C-alpha atoms as a PDB file:
ATOM      1  CA  MET A   1      21.196-128.217  67.681  1.00  0.00           C
ATOM      2  CA  LYS A   2      21.138-125.049  69.670  1.00  0.00           C
ATOM      3  CA  THR A   3      18.615-122.367  68.803  1.00  0.00           C
ATOM      4  CA  PHE A   4      20.225-119.334  67.029  1.00  0.00           C
ATOM      5  CA  THR A   5      19.626-116.087  68.842  1.00  0.00           C
ATOM      6  CA  PRO A   6      19.906-112.991  66.582  1.00  0.00           C
ATOM      7  CA  PRO A   7      21.954-110.075  67.928  1.00  0.00           C
ATOM      8  CA  PRO A   8      20.099-107.085  69.344  1.00  0.00           C
ATOM      9  CA  VAL A   9      19.084-104.429  66.783  1.00  0.00           C
ATOM     10  CA  THR A  10      19.977-100.789  67.361  1.00  0.00           C
ATOM     11  CA  ILE A  11      17.020 -98.493  66.800  1.00  0.00           C
ATOM     12  CA  SER A  12      17.137 -94.693  66.663  1.00  0.00           C
ATOM     13  CA  ALA A  13      14.078 -92.483  66.714  1.00  0.00           C
ATOM     14  CA  GLU A  14      13.408 -88.808  65.951  1.00  0.00           C
ATOM     15  CA  SER A  15      10.384 -86.668  66.601  1.00  0.00           C
ATOM     16  CA  VAL A  16       8.269 -85.890  63.559  1.00  0.00           C
ATOM     17  CA  ARG A  17       8.503 -82.244  62.489  1.00  0.00           C
ATOM     18  CA  LEU A  18       6.410 -80.290  60.012  1.00  0.00           C
ATOM     19  CA  GLU A  19       8.539 -78.327  57.562  1.00  0.00           C
ATOM     20  CA  THR A  20       7.673 -76.275  54.511  1.00  0.00           C
ATOM     21  CA  TRP A  21       9.110 -77.587  51.265  1.00  0.00           C
ATOM     22  CA  GLN A  22       9.398 -75.264  48.301  1.00  0.00           C
ATOM     23  CA  PRO A  23      10.043 -76.660  44.839  1.00  0.00           C
ATOM     24  CA  ARG A  24      12.861 -74.891  43.006  1.00  0.00           C
ATOM     25  CA  LEU A  25      13.998 -74.642  39.423  1.00  0.00           C
ATOM     26  CA  THR A  26      17.677 -73.977  38.782  1.00  0.00           C
ATOM     27  CA  THR A  27      19.033 -72.295  35.672  1.00  0.00           C
ATOM     28  CA  ILE A  28      21.663 -69.851  34.445  1.00  0.00           C
ATOM     29  CA  GLY A  29      20.867 -66.244  33.552  1.00  0.00           C
ATOM     30  CA  SER A  30      22.457 -62.940  32.648  1.00  0.00           C
ATOM     31  CA  LEU A  31      22.175 -59.461  34.167  1.00  0.00           C
ATOM     32  CA  THR A  32      21.774 -56.317  32.065  1.00  0.00           C
ATOM     33  CA  ALA A  33      21.019 -52.685  32.830  1.00  0.00           C
ATOM     34  CA  ILE A  34      17.395 -51.654  32.354  1.00  0.00           C
ATOM     35  CA  GLN A  35      18.579 -48.558  30.478  1.00  0.00           C
ATOM     36  CA  GLY A  36      21.821 -48.404  28.584  1.00  0.00           C
ATOM     37  CA  VAL A  37      22.945 -46.347  25.596  1.00  0.00           C
ATOM     38  CA  GLU A  38      26.039 -45.497  23.627  1.00  0.00           C
ATOM     39  CA  LEU A  39      26.295 -41.707  23.675  1.00  0.00           C
ATOM     40  CA  LYS A  40      27.116 -40.415  20.192  1.00  0.00           C
ATOM     41  CA  SER A  41      27.552 -37.035  18.582  1.00  0.00           C
ATOM     42  CA  GLU A  42      24.583 -36.132  16.394  1.00  0.00           C
ATOM     43  CA  VAL A  43      26.590 -33.465  14.557  1.00  0.00           C
ATOM     44  CA  LYS A  44      30.203 -32.852  13.630  1.00  0.00           C
ATOM     45  CA  GLY A  45      32.376 -30.352  15.434  1.00  0.00           C
ATOM     46  CA  ILE A  46      35.344 -29.693  17.691  1.00  0.00           C
ATOM     47  CA  VAL A  47      35.026 -30.503  21.378  1.00  0.00           C
ATOM     48  CA  ARG A  48      35.206 -27.191  23.235  1.00  0.00           C
ATOM     49  CA  ASP A  49      34.460 -28.261  26.791  1.00  0.00           C
ATOM     50  CA  VAL A  50      34.190 -31.513  28.700  1.00  0.00           C
ATOM     51  CA  MET A  51      32.491 -31.277  32.078  1.00  0.00           C
ATOM     52  CA  LEU A  52      35.354 -33.043  33.849  1.00  0.00           C
ATOM     53  CA  ALA A  53      33.627 -33.094  37.234  1.00  0.00           C
ATOM     54  CA  LEU A  54      30.826 -35.184  35.731  1.00  0.00           C
ATOM     55  CA  PHE A  55      31.993 -36.678  32.465  1.00  0.00           C
ATOM     56  CA  GLN A  56      34.428 -39.201  33.912  1.00  0.00           C
ATOM     57  CA  SER A  57      34.319 -42.976  33.770  1.00  0.00           C
ATOM     58  CA  GLY A  58      32.293 -44.346  36.674  1.00  0.00           C
ATOM     59  CA  GLU A  59      30.694 -41.018  37.610  1.00  0.00           C
ATOM     60  CA  GLN A  60      26.986 -40.721  38.407  1.00  0.00           C
ATOM     61  CA  VAL A  61      25.049 -38.187  36.331  1.00  0.00           C
ATOM     62  CA  SER A  62      21.465 -36.964  36.392  1.00  0.00           C
ATOM     63  CA  ALA A  63      19.088 -36.700  33.453  1.00  0.00           C
ATOM     64  CA  GLY A  64      19.652 -33.464  31.537  1.00  0.00           C
ATOM     65  CA  GLN A  65      23.094 -32.726  32.972  1.00  0.00           C
ATOM     66  CA  PRO A  66      25.527 -31.261  30.390  1.00  0.00           C
ATOM     67  CA  LEU A  67      28.410 -33.598  29.592  1.00  0.00           C
ATOM     68  CA  LEU A  68      30.180 -32.189  26.569  1.00  0.00           C
ATOM     69  CA  GLN A  69      30.044 -28.996  24.506  1.00  0.00           C
ATOM     70  CA  LEU A  70      31.009 -28.765  20.847  1.00  0.00           C
ATOM     71  CA  ASP A  71      32.223 -25.443  19.480  1.00  0.00           C
ATOM     72  CA  ASP A  72      29.154 -23.417  18.511  1.00  0.00           C
ATOM     73  CA  GLN A  73      30.518 -19.936  17.759  1.00  0.00           C
ATOM     74  CA  THR A  74      29.283 -20.004  14.168  1.00  0.00           C
ATOM     75  CA  GLU A  75      25.797 -21.115  15.184  1.00  0.00           C
ATOM     76  CA  GLN A  76      25.610 -18.488  17.928  1.00  0.00           C
ATOM     77  CA  ALA A  77      26.508 -15.756  15.408  1.00  0.00           C
ATOM     78  CA  ASN A  78      23.995 -17.113  12.912  1.00  0.00           C
ATOM     79  CA  LEU A  79      21.301 -17.230  15.569  1.00  0.00           C
ATOM     80  CA  LYS A  80      21.844 -13.578  16.413  1.00  0.00           C
ATOM     81  CA  SER A  81      21.516 -12.662  12.736  1.00  0.00           C
ATOM     82  CA  TYR A  82      18.450 -14.850  12.191  1.00  0.00           C
ATOM     83  CA  LYS A  83      16.701 -13.400  15.226  1.00  0.00           C
ATOM     84  CA  ALA A  84      17.254  -9.885  13.847  1.00  0.00           C
ATOM     85  CA  ARG A  85      15.763 -10.977  10.522  1.00  0.00           C
ATOM     86  CA  LEU A  86      12.852 -12.590  12.331  1.00  0.00           C
ATOM     87  CA  LYS A  87      12.156  -9.393  14.237  1.00  0.00           C
ATOM     88  CA  LEU A  88      12.131  -7.370  11.023  1.00  0.00           C
ATOM     89  CA  ALA A  89       9.995  -9.970   9.256  1.00  0.00           C
ATOM     90  CA  GLN A  90       7.483  -9.897  12.111  1.00  0.00           C
ATOM     91  CA  LEU A  91       7.250  -6.092  11.969  1.00  0.00           C
ATOM     92  CA  THR A  92       6.777  -6.174   8.198  1.00  0.00           C
ATOM     93  CA  TYR A  93       4.135  -8.884   8.456  1.00  0.00           C
ATOM     94  CA  ASP A  94       2.193  -7.024  11.165  1.00  0.00           C
ATOM     95  CA  ARG A  95       2.276  -3.842   9.077  1.00  0.00           C
ATOM     96  CA  ASP A  96       1.196  -5.598   5.899  1.00  0.00           C
ATOM     97  CA  ARG A  97      -1.586  -7.445   7.713  1.00  0.00           C
ATOM     98  CA  ALA A  98      -3.039  -4.105   8.773  1.00  0.00           C
ATOM     99  CA  LEU A  99      -2.675  -2.783   5.227  1.00  0.00           C
ATOM    100  CA  ILE A 100      -4.250  -5.827   3.573  1.00  0.00           C
ATOM    101  CA  GLU A 101      -7.318  -5.396   5.774  1.00  0.00           C
ATOM    102  CA  LYS A 102      -7.627  -1.896   4.332  1.00  0.00           C
ATOM    103  CA  ARG A 103      -6.867  -3.225   0.863  1.00  0.00           C
ATOM    104  CA  ALA A 104      -3.908  -0.853   0.726  1.00  0.00           C
ATOM    105  CA  ILE A 105      -1.549  -3.559  -0.586  1.00  0.00           C
ATOM    106  CA  SER A 106      -1.948  -6.504  -2.903  1.00  0.00           C
ATOM    107  CA  GLN A 107      -2.515 -10.061  -1.736  1.00  0.00           C
ATOM    108  CA  THR A 108       0.754 -11.008  -3.415  1.00  0.00           C
ATOM    109  CA  GLN A 109       2.705  -8.523  -1.302  1.00  0.00           C
ATOM    110  CA  PHE A 110       1.054  -9.781   1.875  1.00  0.00           C
ATOM    111  CA  ASP A 111       1.759 -13.397   0.946  1.00  0.00           C
ATOM    112  CA  GLN A 112       5.411 -12.498   0.425  1.00  0.00           C
ATOM    113  CA  SER A 113       5.547 -10.945   3.901  1.00  0.00           C
ATOM    114  CA  ALA A 114       4.037 -14.097   5.406  1.00  0.00           C
ATOM    115  CA  ALA A 115       6.509 -16.322   3.551  1.00  0.00           C
ATOM    116  CA  THR A 116       9.453 -14.193   4.677  1.00  0.00           C
ATOM    117  CA  LEU A 117       8.248 -14.469   8.284  1.00  0.00           C
ATOM    118  CA  ASP A 118       7.960 -18.253   8.004  1.00  0.00           C
ATOM    119  CA  GLU A 119      11.460 -18.533   6.535  1.00  0.00           C
ATOM    120  CA  ALA A 120      12.950 -16.358   9.278  1.00  0.00           C
ATOM    121  CA  SER A 121      11.175 -18.344  11.972  1.00  0.00           C
ATOM    122  CA  ALA A 122      12.382 -21.638  10.467  1.00  0.00           C
ATOM    123  CA  ALA A 123      15.979 -20.384  10.328  1.00  0.00           C
ATOM    124  CA  VAL A 124      15.884 -19.507  14.035  1.00  0.00           C
ATOM    125  CA  ALA A 125      14.330 -22.859  14.964  1.00  0.00           C
ATOM    126  CA  GLN A 126      16.850 -24.806  12.863  1.00  0.00           C
ATOM    127  CA  THR A 127      19.809 -22.982  14.394  1.00  0.00           C
ATOM    128  CA  GLU A 128      18.487 -23.449  17.926  1.00  0.00           C
ATOM    129  CA  ALA A 129      18.104 -27.170  17.227  1.00  0.00           C
ATOM    130  CA  MET A 130      21.721 -27.330  16.039  1.00  0.00           C
ATOM    131  CA  LEU A 131      22.867 -25.563  19.207  1.00  0.00           C
ATOM    132  CA  ARG A 132      21.024 -28.104  21.339  1.00  0.00           C
ATOM    133  CA  LYS A 133      22.735 -30.946  19.497  1.00  0.00           C
ATOM    134  CA  LYS A 134      26.126 -29.376  20.145  1.00  0.00           C
ATOM    135  CA  ASN A 135      25.405 -29.356  23.877  1.00  0.00           C
ATOM    136  CA  ILE A 136      25.440 -33.066  24.732  1.00  0.00           C
ATOM    137  CA  THR A 137      23.509 -33.947  27.880  1.00  0.00           C
ATOM    138  CA  ALA A 138      22.655 -37.136  29.763  1.00  0.00           C
ATOM    139  CA  PRO A 139      19.357 -38.565  28.413  1.00  0.00           C
ATOM    140  CA  PHE A 140      18.678 -40.260  31.767  1.00  0.00           C
ATOM    141  CA  SER A 141      20.297 -40.675  35.175  1.00  0.00           C
ATOM    142  CA  GLY A 142      23.008 -43.301  35.305  1.00  0.00           C
ATOM    143  CA  THR A 143      26.679 -44.204  35.391  1.00  0.00           C
ATOM    144  CA  ILE A 144      29.169 -43.035  32.776  1.00  0.00           C
ATOM    145  CA  GLY A 145      31.307 -45.755  31.215  1.00  0.00           C
ATOM    146  CA  ILE A 146      34.594 -45.221  29.393  1.00  0.00           C
ATOM    147  CA  GLN A 147      34.545 -41.725  27.862  1.00  0.00           C
ATOM    148  CA  ARG A 148      36.305 -41.196  24.544  1.00  0.00           C
ATOM    149  CA  ALA A 149      36.319 -37.424  23.999  1.00  0.00           C
ATOM    150  CA  GLU A 150      38.710 -34.708  25.116  1.00  0.00           C
ATOM    151  CA  PRO A 151      38.810 -30.930  24.481  1.00  0.00           C
ATOM    152  CA  GLY A 152      40.157 -30.255  21.001  1.00  0.00           C
ATOM    153  CA  ASP A 153      39.012 -33.575  19.540  1.00  0.00           C
ATOM    154  CA  TYR A 154      37.134 -33.425  16.248  1.00  0.00           C
ATOM    155  CA  LEU A 155      33.953 -35.462  16.272  1.00  0.00           C
ATOM    156  CA  SER A 156      32.159 -36.631  13.174  1.00  0.00           C
ATOM    157  CA  GLU A 157      28.461 -37.355  13.123  1.00  0.00           C
ATOM    158  CA  GLY A 158      27.879 -40.676  14.891  1.00  0.00           C
ATOM    159  CA  ASP A 159      31.207 -40.801  16.751  1.00  0.00           C
ATOM    160  CA  LYS A 160      30.976 -42.604  20.084  1.00  0.00           C
ATOM    161  CA  ILE A 161      31.539 -40.457  23.158  1.00  0.00           C
ATOM    162  CA  ALA A 162      30.825 -42.776  26.101  1.00  0.00           C
ATOM    163  CA  THR A 163      28.397 -45.346  27.436  1.00  0.00           C
ATOM    164  CA  LEU A 164      25.682 -44.508  29.945  1.00  0.00           C
ATOM    165  CA  GLN A 165      23.871 -47.134  32.008  1.00  0.00           C
ATOM    166  CA  ASP A 166      21.196 -46.926  34.667  1.00  0.00           C
ATOM    167  CA  LEU A 167      22.324 -49.552  37.175  1.00  0.00           C
ATOM    168  CA  SER A 168      19.764 -48.735  39.862  1.00  0.00           C
ATOM    169  CA  ARG A 169      17.686 -51.654  38.609  1.00  0.00           C
ATOM    170  CA  LEU A 170      18.742 -54.629  36.526  1.00  0.00           C
ATOM    171  CA  TYR A 171      17.101 -57.173  34.276  1.00  0.00           C
ATOM    172  CA  ILE A 172      17.935 -60.826  34.817  1.00  0.00           C
ATOM    173  CA  ASP A 173      17.147 -62.944  31.753  1.00  0.00           C
ATOM    174  CA  PHE A 174      16.964 -66.731  31.875  1.00  0.00           C
ATOM    175  CA  SER A 175      15.200 -69.699  30.294  1.00  0.00           C
ATOM    176  CA  LEU A 176      13.200 -72.551  31.816  1.00  0.00           C
ATOM    177  CA  PRO A 177      11.747 -75.769  30.350  1.00  0.00           C
ATOM    178  CA  GLU A 178       8.214 -75.500  29.029  1.00  0.00           C
ATOM    179  CA  GLN A 179       6.974 -77.863  31.758  1.00  0.00           C
ATOM    180  CA  ALA A 180       7.567 -75.032  34.237  1.00  0.00           C
ATOM    181  CA  VAL A 181       5.203 -72.600  32.494  1.00  0.00           C
ATOM    182  CA  PRO A 182       2.103 -73.452  34.586  1.00  0.00           C
ATOM    183  CA  ASP A 183       4.042 -72.634  37.761  1.00  0.00           C
ATOM    184  CA  LEU A 184       5.334 -69.241  36.602  1.00  0.00           C
ATOM    185  CA  PHE A 185       3.651 -65.897  37.173  1.00  0.00           C
ATOM    186  CA  LYS A 186       4.537 -62.208  37.085  1.00  0.00           C
ATOM    187  CA  GLY A 187       5.766 -60.987  40.453  1.00  0.00           C
ATOM    188  CA  GLN A 188       7.004 -64.433  41.477  1.00  0.00           C
ATOM    189  CA  ALA A 189      10.077 -64.246  43.713  1.00  0.00           C
ATOM    190  CA  ILE A 190      13.458 -65.333  42.367  1.00  0.00           C
ATOM    191  CA  ARG A 191      16.812 -65.841  44.097  1.00  0.00           C
ATOM    192  CA  PHE A 192      20.189 -65.858  42.402  1.00  0.00           C
ATOM    193  CA  GLN A 193      23.910 -65.737  42.987  1.00  0.00           C
ATOM    194  CA  VAL A 194      26.634 -63.889  41.111  1.00  0.00           C
ATOM    195  CA  PRO A 195      30.098 -65.529  40.909  1.00  0.00           C
ATOM    196  CA  ALA A 196      31.828 -62.262  41.787  1.00  0.00           C
ATOM    197  CA  HIS A 197      29.932 -62.141  45.107  1.00  0.00           C
ATOM    198  CA  GLY A 198      30.624 -65.685  46.265  1.00  0.00           C
ATOM    199  CA  ASP A 199      27.844 -67.319  48.307  1.00  0.00           C
ATOM    200  CA  GLN A 200      25.780 -64.137  48.684  1.00  0.00           C
ATOM    201  CA  TRP A 201      22.163 -64.435  47.563  1.00  0.00           C
ATOM    202  CA  PHE A 202      20.213 -61.700  45.789  1.00  0.00           C
ATOM    203  CA  THR A 203      16.470 -61.440  45.278  1.00  0.00           C
ATOM    204  CA  GLY A 204      14.178 -60.162  42.587  1.00  0.00           C
ATOM    205  CA  ALA A 205      10.851 -60.894  40.924  1.00  0.00           C
ATOM    206  CA  ILE A 206       9.639 -62.123  37.559  1.00  0.00           C
ATOM    207  CA  ASP A 207       8.700 -59.156  35.381  1.00  0.00           C
ATOM    208  CA  ALA A 208       7.783 -60.837  32.089  1.00  0.00           C
ATOM    209  CA  ILE A 209       7.261 -64.308  30.631  1.00  0.00           C
ATOM    210  CA  ASN A 210       7.608 -64.844  26.911  1.00  0.00           C
ATOM    211  CA  ALA A 211       4.372 -65.839  25.209  1.00  0.00           C
ATOM    212  CA  LYS A 212       6.088 -68.383  22.965  1.00  0.00           C
ATOM    213  CA  VAL A 213       8.158 -71.482  23.717  1.00  0.00           C
ATOM    214  CA  ASN A 214      11.340 -71.909  21.676  1.00  0.00           C
ATOM    215  CA  SER A 215      10.490 -74.607  19.130  1.00  0.00           C
ATOM    216  CA  ASP A 216      14.067 -75.932  19.053  1.00  0.00           C
ATOM    217  CA  THR A 217      14.939 -76.066  22.753  1.00  0.00           C
ATOM    218  CA  ARG A 218      11.410 -76.317  24.218  1.00  0.00           C
ATOM    219  CA  TYR A 219      12.446 -73.647  26.710  1.00  0.00           C
ATOM    220  CA  ILE A 220      10.679 -70.374  27.455  1.00  0.00           C
ATOM    221  CA  ASP A 221      12.389 -67.034  28.066  1.00  0.00           C
ATOM    222  CA  VAL A 222      11.732 -65.308  31.381  1.00  0.00           C
ATOM    223  CA  ARG A 223      12.802 -61.854  32.528  1.00  0.00           C
ATOM    224  CA  GLY A 224      13.179 -60.804  36.146  1.00  0.00           C
ATOM    225  CA  ILE A 225      13.803 -57.395  37.628  1.00  0.00           C
ATOM    226  CA  VAL A 226      16.217 -56.690  40.468  1.00  0.00           C
ATOM    227  CA  SER A 227      16.785 -53.610  42.602  1.00  0.00           C
ATOM    228  CA  ASN A 228      20.462 -52.665  42.712  1.00  0.00           C
ATOM    229  CA  SER A 229      20.164 -49.788  45.173  1.00  0.00           C
END
């Protein structure tokens, strides 16, 4: 019997390289604005002016910028009257204070002067507060959403006017299994993709880690923060 000779074996070789391997955890999250509010009317009234150059859907506004003005003619007239009463009440009080020191008037009369001054001052302050509420401004810088008010519209207390969101930075909220907790820390880098942007990667950092694991899912909530500038 002839001796069997095995066929030659093909061998391939590659140089050994040192590479860094980073463990990764994959999950699904959601993005939300850090600041977002539904702008509402605090008082009732008729819309007198809408700052059209600013108060449009998608427009950027700065904190404190006027957006909408409710009719305030009645309050302006009242304020003028209340300020006149306040001026008179102040003069009367100052006069009576000088007289009470000389015991030229009774304590009751002086107390009445003081009460009248307080009432006049309160009326002015209350009216000024109402005027401020009728001038609706942006509470913070951000982007206006769909606006729902036009000149001539009547707004009741609590009526929605528009949304306002600060999109300069975003929260990204997600959950991870409790086994990952020892490896998580504030400031840790995160990478994510958004379907609307295809294969593009975005970066952020962990901002907060919930102190409690969900007893049903055994997952822990994590919040990241992302710059959107």
